[in-house]
Amino acid sequence: MLCNARAYFRSLILTGWTFTADDPALGTVRGNTGTSQDWTGPAVASGKVSVQGKVNGVTAISDTGRFTVQPGDTLLFPMDTAKAATGEIDYFSRPAYEATILGWVRVPGRPDINIFDKPPLDPNPRRIDTTGARIDSVRGGGPNSTLWYVSSLSTKAYLRAQIMKDLRTDAASYLVNSDDFVGMGCQVLIGTTAMKTLLEANSVCKQSAAGQNMVNYTRRHESCHMAHHADVLTKNDTTHARLDSIQRLVSTDSVTVRTTMTRLLRLMNDAALDYSSLIDVQPNILTPPPAQFDVWTPQAPGTTGYWQLYTWPVWGTIEPSRLCP
């Protein structure tokens, strides 16, 4: 921002400049440019500027101007979303007969559900990474000199979708007897046993696509979760109020900027999670599951009828919209 004072065809001696922020919390910034008629420097906060001085040796009435700082589009969140690697983020790795959940979205290596991989400085000991944002102070003079602001964000939304272990390539194998329904389909020799995974038992032994269809549905559902996260976080600053708030965040001290920005990032995190959860349907008597699959499933050891045809209710929808791949 360049502020210039002139007194055409008359002598001018400037005695000081004053910036008064539109935000009362920022107060005023005073400066003296000496013999220079320019007061210049980076602008991060809107407000008015007044200049004091003498014209032809007489104290002049202060002149006032103002400027407005508009946020740009520099604080957009990149998304890093993908299918988790085999064995990564095993939120649920127990056997299929103990299953309560088919798929999930988590952040690798994080003990909580915060989706940002580099959160800013936070007193919470679970979030100690301080590289997620850059906080700068306006240097070199000008109307906004010494004010603190968020200059950039390096954090990104980092998500991985995973499914239950017994639906993956590293699934456990379960005992198949020659005289049970699955064993007969597998043509296990009478009096012998074999070991099959859940998907093998269905696709090979029973010639059923239900197991793989359930895998495909669950994968798509978790991808929809990540797409909903992205929809909240990748809006540009002209349409996303919270991003806009972060970019406009200016204070007289760095602690306030960091604390407020951390709170705003938490709100965005919560908003993304809340929006993503809309595609989950809570089971109840009046609401049928969005999908269900009849899958041959191993039972707990010692259970009569070791393999049983079980109807798996899937309480997650695949929203037919632009958000779901």
Protein backbone atom coordinates (compact mmCIF):
# COMPACT_ATOMS: atom_id res chain seq x y z
CA MET A 1 0.00 0.00 0.00
CA LEU A 2 1.38 3.42 -0.99
CA CYS A 3 0.08 6.53 0.77
CA ASN A 4 1.34 9.84 -0.60
CA ALA A 5 0.95 13.39 0.69
CA ARG A 6 1.46 16.46 -1.51
CA ALA A 7 1.03 20.20 -1.22
CA TYR A 8 1.32 21.49 -4.77
CA PHE A 9 3.48 24.58 -5.25
CA ARG A 10 3.84 24.97 -1.48
CA SER A 11 6.38 23.77 1.04
CA LEU A 12 5.31 20.65 2.97
CA ILE A 13 6.80 19.22 6.14
CA LEU A 14 5.20 15.97 7.31
CA THR A 15 5.07 15.40 11.06
CA GLY A 16 3.38 11.99 11.15
CA TRP A 17 1.02 9.40 9.77
CA THR A 18 -1.77 7.48 11.54
CA PHE A 19 -3.55 4.30 10.44
CA THR A 20 -6.85 3.50 12.16
CA ALA A 21 -8.05 -0.03 11.47
CA ASP A 22 -11.67 -0.82 10.72
CA ASP A 23 -11.32 -3.56 13.34
CA PRO A 24 -11.20 -1.74 16.69
CA ALA A 25 -9.12 -4.57 18.18
CA LEU A 26 -6.19 -3.57 15.97
CA GLY A 27 -6.08 -0.02 17.26
CA THR A 28 -3.80 2.43 15.45
CA VAL A 29 -0.42 2.38 13.78
CA ARG A 30 1.66 5.54 13.80
CA GLY A 31 4.62 6.36 11.62
CA ASN A 32 6.94 9.15 10.64
CA THR A 33 8.46 9.11 7.18
CA GLY A 34 10.81 12.02 7.75
CA THR A 35 11.50 13.88 4.53
CA SER A 36 9.68 11.28 2.43
CA GLN A 37 6.13 12.06 1.35
CA ASP A 38 5.32 8.35 0.97
CA TRP A 39 4.13 5.92 3.63
CA THR A 40 4.35 2.52 2.04
CA GLY A 41 4.36 -1.12 3.02
CA PRO A 42 2.38 -4.39 2.79
CA ALA A 43 -1.34 -4.06 3.55
CA VAL A 44 -3.18 -6.77 5.49
CA ALA A 45 -5.96 -4.83 7.22
CA SER A 46 -8.50 -2.29 5.99
CA GLY A 47 -8.81 1.15 7.52
CA LYS A 48 -8.23 4.84 7.13
CA VAL A 49 -4.99 6.82 6.99
CA SER A 50 -4.52 10.39 8.11
CA VAL A 51 -1.47 12.56 7.62
CA GLN A 52 -0.26 15.47 9.74
CA GLY A 53 2.11 18.22 8.74
CA LYS A 54 2.77 21.89 8.02
CA VAL A 55 2.13 23.68 4.75
CA ASN A 56 4.17 26.86 4.31
CA GLY A 57 5.04 26.61 8.00
CA VAL A 58 1.41 26.48 9.17
CA THR A 59 -0.06 23.37 10.77
CA ALA A 60 -2.50 22.02 8.24
CA ILE A 61 -5.82 20.33 8.77
CA SER A 62 -5.20 16.59 8.68
CA ASP A 63 -6.17 14.92 5.43
CA THR A 64 -7.66 11.42 5.48
CA GLY A 65 -7.91 8.58 2.98
CA ARG A 66 -8.83 4.93 3.28
CA PHE A 67 -8.08 1.58 1.69
CA THR A 68 -9.71 -1.85 1.74
CA VAL A 69 -7.85 -5.14 1.73
CA GLN A 70 -9.59 -7.96 -0.14
CA PRO A 71 -8.55 -11.58 0.48
CA GLY A 72 -7.10 -13.44 -2.46
CA ASP A 73 -7.26 -17.14 -3.23
CA THR A 74 -4.03 -18.29 -1.63
CA LEU A 75 -5.45 -20.36 1.21
CA LEU A 76 -7.02 -23.25 -0.64
CA PHE A 77 -6.68 -26.68 0.89
CA PRO A 78 -5.15 -29.37 -1.31
CA MET A 79 -6.71 -32.78 -0.78
CA ASP A 80 -4.69 -35.96 -0.47
CA THR A 81 -7.26 -38.75 -0.62
CA ALA A 82 -6.75 -42.34 -1.69
CA LYS A 83 -7.51 -45.95 -0.97
CA ALA A 84 -5.37 -47.07 1.96
CA ALA A 85 -2.59 -49.52 1.33
CA THR A 86 -3.16 -53.12 2.39
CA GLY A 87 -2.85 -53.30 6.16
CA GLU A 88 -2.76 -49.51 6.59
CA ILE A 89 -4.95 -47.87 9.28
CA ASP A 90 -6.53 -51.12 10.47
CA TYR A 91 -9.20 -49.47 12.53
CA PHE A 92 -11.05 -52.81 12.58
CA SER A 93 -9.00 -55.96 11.97
CA ARG A 94 -10.97 -58.58 13.91
CA PRO A 95 -12.52 -61.61 12.17
CA ALA A 96 -15.58 -61.25 9.99
CA TYR A 97 -17.78 -62.99 12.56
CA GLU A 98 -17.06 -60.15 14.99
CA ALA A 99 -17.57 -57.40 12.42
CA THR A 100 -19.42 -54.26 13.40
CA ILE A 101 -18.06 -52.01 10.66
CA LEU A 102 -17.16 -52.62 7.02
CA GLY A 103 -15.20 -49.50 6.12
CA TRP A 104 -13.86 -46.23 7.46
CA VAL A 105 -11.89 -43.09 6.62
CA ARG A 106 -8.97 -42.10 8.80
CA VAL A 107 -5.75 -40.10 8.77
CA PRO A 108 -2.66 -42.35 8.83
CA GLY A 109 -0.47 -41.90 11.86
CA ARG A 110 -2.84 -39.61 13.80
CA PRO A 111 -4.41 -40.60 17.11
CA ASP A 112 -7.47 -38.42 16.62
CA ILE A 113 -9.86 -37.65 13.77
CA ASN A 114 -8.38 -34.28 12.83
CA ILE A 115 -8.04 -34.41 9.04
CA PHE A 116 -5.25 -31.86 8.60
CA ASP A 117 -1.80 -33.35 8.28
CA LYS A 118 0.00 -30.24 9.52
CA PRO A 119 -2.13 -28.39 12.05
CA PRO A 120 -0.82 -25.10 13.44
CA LEU A 121 0.62 -24.70 16.91
CA ASP A 122 -1.88 -26.12 19.36
CA PRO A 123 -1.73 -26.61 23.14
CA ASN A 124 -3.32 -30.04 22.66
CA PRO A 125 -0.40 -32.50 23.05
CA ARG A 126 -1.86 -34.68 20.32
CA ARG A 127 -1.35 -31.88 17.81
CA ILE A 128 2.23 -30.67 18.13
CA ASP A 129 3.14 -30.09 14.49
CA THR A 130 3.85 -26.37 14.08
CA THR A 131 4.58 -26.37 10.35
CA GLY A 132 0.99 -26.14 9.16
CA ALA A 133 0.87 -22.37 8.82
CA ARG A 134 3.11 -19.39 8.43
CA ILE A 135 2.47 -16.38 10.63
CA ASP A 136 4.16 -13.16 9.57
CA SER A 137 4.44 -9.63 10.84
CA VAL A 138 4.33 -6.68 8.46
CA ARG A 139 7.86 -5.33 8.28
CA GLY A 140 9.43 -2.34 6.63
CA GLY A 141 6.96 0.31 7.68
CA GLY A 142 3.70 1.43 6.18
CA PRO A 143 0.15 1.72 7.52
CA ASN A 144 0.04 -1.92 8.70
CA SER A 145 3.52 -2.11 10.16
CA THR A 146 3.89 -4.61 13.07
CA LEU A 147 0.47 -6.24 12.49
CA TRP A 148 0.48 -10.06 12.46
CA TYR A 149 -1.36 -12.13 9.88
CA VAL A 150 -1.60 -15.58 8.27
CA SER A 151 0.60 -15.48 5.19
CA SER A 152 0.24 -19.08 4.03
CA LEU A 153 -1.01 -22.54 4.93
CA SER A 154 0.94 -25.69 4.19
CA THR A 155 -1.53 -28.07 5.74
CA LYS A 156 -3.69 -30.33 3.61
CA ALA A 157 -6.59 -32.64 4.17
CA TYR A 158 -5.00 -36.06 4.26
CA LEU A 159 -7.42 -39.00 4.18
CA ARG A 160 -7.27 -42.71 3.48
CA ALA A 161 -10.22 -45.07 3.03
CA GLN A 162 -9.96 -48.62 4.32
CA ILE A 163 -12.21 -51.66 4.58
CA MET A 164 -12.43 -54.57 6.99
CA LYS A 165 -9.45 -56.92 6.79
CA ASP A 166 -11.49 -60.00 5.83
CA LEU A 167 -12.66 -58.17 2.71
CA ARG A 168 -9.11 -57.45 1.51
CA THR A 169 -6.31 -59.38 -0.17
CA ASP A 170 -4.63 -59.93 3.23
CA ALA A 171 -7.77 -61.54 4.65
CA ALA A 172 -7.55 -64.43 7.06
CA SER A 173 -8.36 -67.95 5.83
CA TYR A 174 -11.00 -70.01 7.61
CA LEU A 175 -11.54 -73.73 7.93
CA VAL A 176 -13.79 -75.37 5.35
CA ASN A 177 -15.05 -78.90 6.00
CA SER A 178 -15.90 -81.30 3.23
CA ASP A 179 -19.43 -81.80 4.54
CA ASP A 180 -20.53 -78.16 4.95
CA PHE A 181 -22.19 -76.08 2.25
CA VAL A 182 -19.06 -74.15 1.36
CA GLY A 183 -16.87 -77.25 1.42
CA MET A 184 -19.17 -79.04 -1.00
CA GLY A 185 -19.02 -76.07 -3.33
CA CYS A 186 -15.24 -76.08 -3.12
CA GLN A 187 -15.22 -79.81 -3.85
CA VAL A 188 -13.17 -80.52 -0.75
CA LEU A 189 -12.45 -84.23 -0.61
CA ILE A 190 -14.62 -86.17 1.85
CA GLY A 191 -13.00 -86.41 5.24
CA THR A 192 -10.59 -83.53 4.57
CA THR A 193 -10.57 -79.80 5.15
CA ALA A 194 -9.36 -76.70 3.35
CA MET A 195 -8.71 -73.04 4.19
CA LYS A 196 -10.57 -70.31 2.32
CA THR A 197 -10.98 -66.57 2.69
CA LEU A 198 -14.43 -65.04 2.83
CA LEU A 199 -14.20 -63.81 -0.76
CA GLU A 200 -12.84 -67.14 -2.02
CA ALA A 201 -15.66 -69.02 -0.32
CA ASN A 202 -18.24 -66.85 -2.04
CA SER A 203 -16.75 -66.29 -5.49
CA VAL A 204 -15.05 -69.66 -6.02
CA CYS A 205 -16.90 -72.16 -3.86
CA LYS A 206 -20.42 -70.76 -4.05
CA GLN A 207 -20.10 -68.97 -7.41
CA SER A 208 -21.61 -65.87 -5.80
CA ALA A 209 -20.69 -62.26 -6.59
CA ALA A 210 -22.29 -60.98 -3.36
CA GLY A 211 -19.00 -60.79 -1.45
CA GLN A 212 -17.21 -58.79 -4.15
CA ASN A 213 -20.28 -56.61 -4.64
CA MET A 214 -20.20 -55.78 -0.93
CA VAL A 215 -16.52 -54.88 -1.22
CA ASN A 216 -17.19 -52.64 -4.22
CA TYR A 217 -20.10 -50.93 -2.48
CA THR A 218 -18.08 -50.33 0.68
CA ARG A 219 -15.13 -48.95 -1.30
CA ARG A 220 -17.40 -46.54 -3.15
CA HIS A 221 -19.12 -45.48 0.05
CA GLU A 222 -15.82 -44.60 1.74
CA SER A 223 -14.75 -42.72 -1.42
CA CYS A 224 -17.97 -40.73 -1.09
CA HIS A 225 -16.95 -39.80 2.45
CA MET A 226 -13.67 -38.39 1.17
CA ALA A 227 -15.43 -36.56 -1.66
CA HIS A 228 -17.72 -34.87 0.85
CA HIS A 229 -14.70 -33.82 2.91
CA ALA A 230 -13.14 -32.31 -0.20
CA ASP A 231 -16.32 -30.46 -1.12
CA VAL A 232 -16.23 -28.58 2.18
CA LEU A 233 -12.51 -27.82 2.20
CA THR A 234 -11.65 -26.94 -1.38
CA LYS A 235 -14.02 -24.03 -1.84
CA ASN A 236 -12.23 -20.83 -2.74
CA ASP A 237 -12.21 -17.86 -0.39
CA THR A 238 -15.07 -16.04 -2.11
CA THR A 239 -17.53 -18.76 -1.19
CA HIS A 240 -16.10 -20.35 1.93
CA ALA A 241 -16.70 -18.19 4.96
CA ARG A 242 -14.22 -19.93 7.22
CA LEU A 243 -11.34 -19.80 4.74
CA ASP A 244 -12.18 -16.16 4.23
CA SER A 245 -12.04 -15.66 7.99
CA ILE A 246 -8.58 -17.20 8.18
CA GLN A 247 -7.24 -15.04 5.41
CA ARG A 248 -8.67 -11.89 6.95
CA LEU A 249 -7.28 -12.82 10.35
CA VAL A 250 -5.02 -9.99 11.54
CA SER A 251 -3.92 -9.11 15.05
CA THR A 252 -1.40 -7.08 16.96
CA ASP A 253 0.27 -10.24 18.27
CA SER A 254 1.16 -13.65 16.86
CA VAL A 255 -0.42 -15.65 19.70
CA THR A 256 -3.90 -14.32 18.90
CA VAL A 257 -3.48 -15.11 15.21
CA ARG A 258 -2.34 -18.67 15.87
CA THR A 259 -5.00 -19.36 18.49
CA THR A 260 -7.83 -17.99 16.39
CA MET A 261 -6.62 -19.75 13.25
CA THR A 262 -6.39 -23.06 15.11
CA ARG A 263 -9.97 -22.63 16.28
CA LEU A 264 -11.13 -21.88 12.72
CA LEU A 265 -9.32 -24.92 11.35
CA ARG A 266 -11.03 -27.05 13.98
CA LEU A 267 -14.39 -25.65 12.91
CA MET A 268 -13.59 -26.52 9.29
CA ASN A 269 -12.50 -29.98 10.36
CA ASP A 270 -15.78 -30.47 12.24
CA ALA A 271 -17.80 -29.11 9.32
CA ALA A 272 -16.14 -31.53 6.91
CA LEU A 273 -16.75 -34.48 9.21
CA ASP A 274 -20.36 -33.48 9.82
CA TYR A 275 -21.06 -33.07 6.12
CA SER A 276 -19.37 -36.36 5.33
CA SER A 277 -21.44 -38.20 7.94
CA LEU A 278 -24.65 -37.29 6.11
CA ILE A 279 -24.22 -40.32 3.87
CA ASP A 280 -24.37 -42.66 6.87
CA VAL A 281 -27.79 -43.96 7.86
CA GLN A 282 -28.41 -44.90 11.46
CA PRO A 283 -30.18 -48.26 11.73
CA ASN A 284 -33.66 -48.35 13.20
CA ILE A 285 -36.86 -50.32 12.82
CA LEU A 286 -38.45 -47.84 10.44
CA THR A 287 -35.43 -47.27 8.20
CA PRO A 288 -34.27 -50.20 6.08
CA PRO A 289 -30.56 -50.36 5.24
CA PRO A 290 -29.63 -48.67 1.94
CA ALA A 291 -28.07 -51.93 0.76
CA GLN A 292 -27.66 -55.52 1.94
CA PHE A 293 -25.72 -58.51 0.67
CA ASP A 294 -26.24 -62.22 1.25
CA VAL A 295 -22.69 -63.40 1.87
CA TRP A 296 -21.41 -66.77 3.07
CA THR A 297 -19.60 -65.83 6.26
CA PRO A 298 -17.40 -67.86 8.62
CA GLN A 299 -18.77 -68.24 12.13
CA ALA A 300 -16.85 -68.35 15.37
CA PRO A 301 -14.88 -71.59 15.93
CA GLY A 302 -17.05 -74.24 17.54
CA THR A 303 -20.25 -72.81 16.11
CA THR A 304 -22.63 -75.35 14.58
CA GLY A 305 -22.65 -74.83 10.84
CA TYR A 306 -19.26 -73.17 10.54
CA TRP A 307 -20.17 -71.23 7.38
CA GLN A 308 -23.56 -69.53 7.22
CA LEU A 309 -25.33 -67.41 4.67
CA TYR A 310 -25.53 -64.07 6.43
CA THR A 311 -27.36 -60.96 5.24
CA TRP A 312 -25.00 -58.06 5.75
CA PRO A 313 -26.86 -54.75 6.18
CA VAL A 314 -24.82 -51.80 4.90
CA TRP A 315 -25.82 -48.57 6.65
CA GLY A 316 -23.91 -46.26 4.33
CA THR A 317 -25.44 -44.77 1.21
CA ILE A 318 -23.78 -43.94 -2.09
CA GLU A 319 -25.23 -40.57 -2.88
CA PRO A 320 -26.00 -40.32 -6.60
CA SER A 321 -24.42 -36.93 -7.15
CA ARG A 322 -21.36 -35.19 -8.54
CA LEU A 323 -19.56 -35.83 -5.23
CA CYS A 324 -19.42 -39.59 -5.44
CA PRO A 325 -17.13 -41.25 -7.96
